[in-house]
């Protein structure tokens, strides 16, 4: 069985697309996540729960970077 990841003949479930989110979007997602939980917030936003959890951990760093910065990476 041969995997065809990232090729045109691969099933769509194998292809993944990474979306960069602006820091302002990430910060807006943190407050609801604290109130109602990461899982519920992730469902509402249509993103993976692990992303919301990561943003919660990065809250301080996110608040100090540019709000339209899409390349924020924790160092």
C-alpha atoms as a PDB file:
ATOM      1  CA  UNK A   1       0.000   0.000   0.000  1.00  0.00           C
ATOM      2  CA  UNK A   2       1.581   3.222  -1.124  1.00  0.00           C
ATOM      3  CA  UNK A   3       0.731   6.593   0.417  1.00  0.00           C
ATOM      4  CA  UNK A   4       0.368   9.460  -1.985  1.00  0.00           C
ATOM      5  CA  UNK A   5       0.508  12.294   0.514  1.00  0.00           C
ATOM      6  CA  UNK A   6       0.545  15.743  -1.060  1.00  0.00           C
ATOM      7  CA  UNK A   7       0.074  14.484  -4.601  1.00  0.00           C
ATOM      8  CA  UNK A   8      -2.886  15.003  -6.894  1.00  0.00           C
ATOM      9  CA  UNK A   9      -3.992  11.359  -6.712  1.00  0.00           C
ATOM     10  CA  UNK A  10      -4.098  11.286  -2.902  1.00  0.00           C
ATOM     11  CA  UNK A  11      -7.479  11.146  -1.163  1.00  0.00           C
ATOM     12  CA  UNK A  12      -8.535  14.530   0.148  1.00  0.00           C
ATOM     13  CA  UNK A  13      -8.411  13.249   3.737  1.00  0.00           C
ATOM     14  CA  UNK A  14      -4.619  12.856   3.418  1.00  0.00           C
ATOM     15  CA  UNK A  15      -4.040  16.410   2.301  1.00  0.00           C
ATOM     16  CA  UNK A  16      -3.683  19.001   5.008  1.00  0.00           C
ATOM     17  CA  UNK A  17      -3.555  22.731   4.733  1.00  0.00           C
ATOM     18  CA  UNK A  18      -1.923  24.909   7.325  1.00  0.00           C
ATOM     19  CA  UNK A  19      -3.548  28.257   7.941  1.00  0.00           C
ATOM     20  CA  UNK A  20      -1.703  31.088   9.618  1.00  0.00           C
ATOM     21  CA  UNK A  21      -3.884  32.987  12.071  1.00  0.00           C
ATOM     22  CA  UNK A  22      -3.307  36.605  13.004  1.00  0.00           C
ATOM     23  CA  UNK A  23      -2.295  37.273  16.595  1.00  0.00           C
ATOM     24  CA  UNK A  24      -5.497  39.305  17.085  1.00  0.00           C
ATOM     25  CA  UNK A  25      -7.579  36.259  16.124  1.00  0.00           C
ATOM     26  CA  UNK A  26      -5.590  34.086  18.501  1.00  0.00           C
ATOM     27  CA  UNK A  27      -6.065  36.524  21.375  1.00  0.00           C
ATOM     28  CA  UNK A  28      -9.828  36.695  20.735  1.00  0.00           C
ATOM     29  CA  UNK A  29      -9.997  32.910  20.960  1.00  0.00           C
ATOM     30  CA  UNK A  30      -8.309  32.778  24.366  1.00  0.00           C
ATOM     31  CA  UNK A  31     -11.037  34.396  26.504  1.00  0.00           C
ATOM     32  CA  UNK A  32     -13.851  32.080  25.347  1.00  0.00           C
ATOM     33  CA  UNK A  33     -11.471  29.140  25.778  1.00  0.00           C
ATOM     34  CA  UNK A  34     -10.891  30.095  29.406  1.00  0.00           C
ATOM     35  CA  UNK A  35     -14.629  30.462  30.059  1.00  0.00           C
ATOM     36  CA  UNK A  36     -16.057  27.512  28.153  1.00  0.00           C
ATOM     37  CA  UNK A  37     -13.035  25.320  27.498  1.00  0.00           C
ATOM     38  CA  UNK A  38     -10.607  24.754  24.682  1.00  0.00           C
ATOM     39  CA  UNK A  39     -12.620  22.002  23.019  1.00  0.00           C
ATOM     40  CA  UNK A  40     -15.846  24.002  22.751  1.00  0.00           C
ATOM     41  CA  UNK A  41     -14.008  27.069  21.477  1.00  0.00           C
ATOM     42  CA  UNK A  42     -12.143  25.013  18.893  1.00  0.00           C
ATOM     43  CA  UNK A  43     -15.405  23.568  17.606  1.00  0.00           C
ATOM     44  CA  UNK A  44     -16.936  27.027  17.280  1.00  0.00           C
ATOM     45  CA  UNK A  45     -13.920  28.344  15.375  1.00  0.00           C
ATOM     46  CA  UNK A  46     -13.462  25.226  13.257  1.00  0.00           C
ATOM     47  CA  UNK A  47      -9.888  24.618  14.370  1.00  0.00           C
ATOM     48  CA  UNK A  48      -8.045  21.919  16.259  1.00  0.00           C
ATOM     49  CA  UNK A  49      -8.253  21.955  20.052  1.00  0.00           C
ATOM     50  CA  UNK A  50      -4.472  21.730  20.372  1.00  0.00           C
ATOM     51  CA  UNK A  51      -4.157  25.109  18.634  1.00  0.00           C
ATOM     52  CA  UNK A  52      -6.401  26.760  21.211  1.00  0.00           C
ATOM     53  CA  UNK A  53      -4.437  25.176  24.049  1.00  0.00           C
ATOM     54  CA  UNK A  54      -1.152  26.374  22.534  1.00  0.00           C
ATOM     55  CA  UNK A  55      -2.509  29.912  22.191  1.00  0.00           C
ATOM     56  CA  UNK A  56      -3.574  29.855  25.844  1.00  0.00           C
ATOM     57  CA  UNK A  57      -0.007  28.965  26.835  1.00  0.00           C
ATOM     58  CA  UNK A  58       1.343  31.712  24.559  1.00  0.00           C
ATOM     59  CA  UNK A  59      -1.076  34.390  25.782  1.00  0.00           C
ATOM     60  CA  UNK A  60       1.569  36.713  27.221  1.00  0.00           C
ATOM     61  CA  UNK A  61       3.815  36.491  24.172  1.00  0.00           C
ATOM     62  CA  UNK A  62       0.870  36.987  21.801  1.00  0.00           C
ATOM     63  CA  UNK A  63      -0.229  40.113  23.606  1.00  0.00           C
ATOM     64  CA  UNK A  64       3.220  41.650  23.099  1.00  0.00           C
ATOM     65  CA  UNK A  65       3.573  40.994  19.362  1.00  0.00           C
ATOM     66  CA  UNK A  66       2.000  42.876  16.452  1.00  0.00           C
ATOM     67  CA  UNK A  67      -1.709  42.089  16.197  1.00  0.00           C
ATOM     68  CA  UNK A  68      -1.546  41.391  12.465  1.00  0.00           C
ATOM     69  CA  UNK A  69       1.554  39.209  12.777  1.00  0.00           C
ATOM     70  CA  UNK A  70       0.851  35.840  11.162  1.00  0.00           C
ATOM     71  CA  UNK A  71       4.314  34.395  11.559  1.00  0.00           C
ATOM     72  CA  UNK A  72       4.433  34.457  15.362  1.00  0.00           C
ATOM     73  CA  UNK A  73       6.363  31.469  16.587  1.00  0.00           C
ATOM     74  CA  UNK A  74       7.290  30.670  20.117  1.00  0.00           C
ATOM     75  CA  UNK A  75      11.043  30.577  20.527  1.00  0.00           C
END
